[in-house]
Protein backbone atom coordinates (compact mmCIF):
# COMPACT_ATOMS: atom_id res chain seq x y z
CA MET A 1 13.66 6.21 -7.23
CA THR A 2 15.53 7.71 -4.14
CA ALA A 3 13.46 6.97 -0.07
CA TYR A 4 14.38 8.76 2.47
CA THR A 5 13.44 6.47 5.90
CA ILE A 6 12.62 8.97 9.14
CA ASN A 7 12.96 7.50 12.81
CA PHE A 8 10.59 9.25 15.07
CA ASP A 9 10.99 6.71 17.84
CA PRO A 10 13.41 9.17 19.70
CA VAL A 11 10.00 12.00 19.70
CA CYS A 12 7.08 9.75 19.68
CA LYS A 13 6.18 6.11 18.93
CA MET A 14 3.45 6.55 16.18
CA THR A 15 0.48 4.66 16.43
CA ASP A 16 -2.01 3.36 13.37
CA GLU A 17 -4.59 5.83 12.86
CA GLN A 18 -1.68 8.62 13.46
CA PHE A 19 -0.38 7.47 10.53
CA TYR A 20 -3.05 6.92 8.55
CA GLN A 21 -3.82 10.47 9.48
CA LEU A 22 -0.11 12.35 8.39
CA CYS A 23 -1.36 10.59 5.34
CA ARG A 24 -3.84 12.05 4.81
CA LYS A 25 -3.03 15.72 5.89
CA ASN A 26 0.25 15.23 2.76
CA PRO A 27 -1.54 13.57 0.26
CA ASP A 28 1.25 14.92 -2.51
CA ILE A 29 3.48 12.50 -0.09
CA LYS A 30 5.01 8.89 -0.70
CA PHE A 31 4.87 6.88 2.99
CA GLU A 32 5.03 3.97 3.92
CA ARG A 33 6.18 2.37 7.06
CA ASN A 34 8.62 -0.16 7.64
CA ALA A 35 7.90 -3.37 10.56
CA LYS A 36 10.57 -1.24 12.83
CA GLY A 37 7.88 1.85 12.91
CA GLU A 38 10.04 3.73 10.96
CA ILE A 39 8.39 7.01 8.53
CA ILE A 40 9.51 5.81 5.14
CA ILE A 41 9.48 8.86 2.41
CA MET A 42 8.64 7.56 -1.77
CA SER A 43 9.86 9.92 -4.70
CA PRO A 44 7.94 9.40 -7.72
CA THR A 45 8.92 6.79 -10.38
CA GLY A 46 10.66 7.97 -13.89
CA GLY A 47 9.23 7.29 -17.38
CA GLU A 48 10.27 4.12 -18.10
CA THR A 49 9.36 2.78 -14.68
CA GLY A 50 6.08 4.94 -14.88
CA ASN A 51 5.11 2.55 -18.22
CA GLN A 52 6.53 -0.90 -16.71
CA ASN A 53 4.02 -0.14 -13.68
CA ILE A 54 0.61 0.62 -15.91
CA GLU A 55 1.01 -1.94 -18.52
CA THR A 56 1.57 -4.84 -15.87
CA ALA A 57 -1.51 -3.52 -13.73
CA GLY A 58 -3.45 -3.36 -17.27
CA ASP A 59 -2.71 -7.38 -17.94
CA PHE A 60 -3.68 -7.74 -14.13
CA VAL A 61 -7.02 -5.56 -14.83
CA ILE A 62 -7.30 -7.79 -17.84
CA TRP A 63 -7.02 -10.68 -16.26
CA ASN A 64 -9.01 -10.06 -12.73
CA ARG A 65 -11.82 -9.21 -15.54
CA GLN A 66 -11.61 -12.43 -16.50
CA GLU A 67 -11.36 -14.71 -13.87
CA LYS A 68 -13.33 -12.69 -10.85
CA LEU A 69 -11.52 -14.27 -8.41
CA GLY A 70 -10.64 -11.11 -6.01
CA LYS A 71 -9.38 -7.67 -6.07
CA LEU A 72 -6.98 -5.80 -7.37
CA PHE A 73 -5.25 -2.48 -6.53
CA ASP A 74 -3.43 -0.07 -7.77
CA SER A 75 -0.03 1.97 -6.17
CA SER A 76 -1.94 3.75 -3.83
CA THR A 77 -3.17 1.26 -1.97
CA CYS A 78 -1.44 0.63 1.32
CA PHE A 79 -1.76 -2.24 3.44
CA LYS A 80 -0.85 -3.11 7.08
CA LEU A 81 1.04 -6.49 6.65
CA PRO A 82 1.31 -8.67 9.59
CA ASN A 83 5.16 -8.21 10.68
CA GLY A 84 3.66 -4.13 11.45
CA ALA A 85 4.60 -3.14 8.29
CA ASN A 86 2.71 -0.78 6.12
CA ARG A 87 3.96 -0.58 2.11
CA SER A 88 2.31 0.18 -1.65
CA PRO A 89 2.71 -1.92 -3.90
CA ASP A 90 3.50 -0.48 -7.70
CA VAL A 91 0.06 -3.55 -8.04
CA SER A 92 -1.15 -5.85 -5.42
CA TRP A 93 -3.50 -8.65 -6.05
CA ILE A 94 -6.22 -10.14 -2.96
CA LYS A 95 -8.73 -13.59 -3.49
CA GLN A 96 -11.98 -12.32 -2.78
CA GLU A 97 -12.80 -14.03 0.03
CA ARG A 98 -9.83 -12.94 2.30
CA TRP A 99 -11.26 -9.22 1.33
CA ASP A 100 -14.90 -9.99 2.21
CA ALA A 101 -13.85 -10.83 5.20
CA LEU A 102 -12.43 -7.95 5.99
CA THR A 103 -14.82 -4.88 7.89
CA ILE A 104 -15.97 -1.80 5.94
CA GLU A 105 -13.66 0.13 7.99
CA GLU A 106 -10.88 -2.12 7.46
CA LYS A 107 -11.33 -2.00 4.15
CA ARG A 108 -12.20 2.43 3.72
CA LYS A 109 -8.71 2.43 6.00
CA PHE A 110 -5.33 0.71 5.78
CA PRO A 111 -6.39 -2.57 4.95
CA PRO A 112 -4.80 -4.96 7.14
CA ILE A 113 -3.75 -7.39 5.04
CA ALA A 114 -1.01 -8.90 3.58
CA PRO A 115 -1.55 -9.02 -0.31
CA ASP A 116 -1.47 -12.66 -2.31
CA PHE A 117 0.27 -11.35 -5.01
CA VAL A 118 2.35 -7.58 -5.54
């Protein structure tokens, strides 16, 4: 998988809302952002990786349905991490009480929370 990193700092300092809108306006491109504010464009995965990802996610779905301890998220979910980065792990899980502590708006956009498991 190839990732391209772009530093927009010489042109503009992108706010969280601007990054959110960039992602919404370009749904076919997977953007992430590192702690330095650089935009990372992620390429799609290959067949083997995609298969491994779905198998792993499926295992977590079954576990979470049985245990009912939290919320699961797929690779399309972008989280605003404490260091300022915006990342989309292949699969992630957040304890229910931590998820419930977020506002509706925080849950709707890029949740400002580091998952308990990625």
